[in-house]
């Protein structure tokens, strides 16, 4: 078997559908839950940071060193 035919045989060993799955466009729905969870975590972390740091920032702005 020629070398270029061996390469094609190796690629098709797992099935031609597998190649399309690896290099083709994703046709399924986009799952937004991980992005939503990450955004919610950042929002909660930011709110907690503001709640903790606001009194200290106010004291600094009023001249209390």
Protein backbone atom coordinates (compact mmCIF):
# COMPACT_ATOMS: atom_id res chain seq x y z
CA UNK A 1 0.00 0.00 0.00
CA UNK A 2 1.46 3.43 -0.89
CA UNK A 3 2.33 5.77 1.99
CA UNK A 4 -0.36 8.33 1.16
CA UNK A 5 -3.03 5.61 1.10
CA UNK A 6 -1.83 4.38 4.50
CA UNK A 7 -2.41 7.86 5.93
CA UNK A 8 -5.96 7.90 4.61
CA UNK A 9 -6.55 4.41 6.00
CA UNK A 10 -5.30 5.51 9.43
CA UNK A 11 -7.53 8.58 9.41
CA UNK A 12 -10.55 6.54 8.41
CA UNK A 13 -9.86 3.82 10.98
CA UNK A 14 -12.02 5.60 13.55
CA UNK A 15 -14.65 6.38 10.92
CA UNK A 16 -15.12 9.38 8.70
CA UNK A 17 -17.76 10.75 11.07
CA UNK A 18 -15.12 11.10 13.77
CA UNK A 19 -13.01 13.34 11.54
CA UNK A 20 -16.02 15.56 10.86
CA UNK A 21 -16.72 15.69 14.58
CA UNK A 22 -13.18 16.84 15.35
CA UNK A 23 -12.81 19.46 12.62
CA UNK A 24 -16.40 20.39 11.83
CA UNK A 25 -18.58 23.09 13.27
CA UNK A 26 -20.53 22.34 16.41
CA UNK A 27 -24.20 21.98 15.53
CA UNK A 28 -25.56 21.60 19.06
CA UNK A 29 -27.02 24.19 21.39
CA UNK A 30 -24.65 26.51 23.19
CA UNK A 31 -24.70 25.87 26.91
CA UNK A 32 -24.81 29.21 28.70
CA UNK A 33 -24.91 27.84 32.26
CA UNK A 34 -21.14 27.81 32.91
CA UNK A 35 -20.81 31.40 31.68
CA UNK A 36 -23.80 32.44 33.77
CA UNK A 37 -22.38 30.73 36.86
CA UNK A 38 -19.00 32.40 36.37
CA UNK A 39 -20.63 35.80 35.90
CA UNK A 40 -22.70 35.29 39.04
CA UNK A 41 -19.62 34.31 41.04
CA UNK A 42 -17.75 37.41 39.89
CA UNK A 43 -20.76 39.60 40.73
CA UNK A 44 -21.03 38.12 44.22
CA UNK A 45 -17.30 38.47 44.78
CA UNK A 46 -17.44 42.10 43.67
CA UNK A 47 -20.40 42.82 45.95
CA UNK A 48 -18.60 41.22 48.90
CA UNK A 49 -15.46 43.25 48.14
CA UNK A 50 -17.49 46.47 48.04
CA UNK A 51 -19.27 45.63 51.28
CA UNK A 52 -15.98 45.00 53.05
CA UNK A 53 -13.93 47.86 51.57
CA UNK A 54 -16.52 50.67 51.52
CA UNK A 55 -16.15 51.68 55.20
CA UNK A 56 -12.36 51.76 54.88
CA UNK A 57 -12.52 53.81 51.69
CA UNK A 58 -14.93 56.26 53.32
CA UNK A 59 -12.63 56.64 56.30
CA UNK A 60 -9.68 57.32 54.03
CA UNK A 61 -11.63 59.89 52.03
CA UNK A 62 -12.68 61.71 55.21
CA UNK A 63 -9.08 62.05 56.28
CA UNK A 64 -8.96 59.38 58.96
CA UNK A 65 -5.46 57.93 58.66
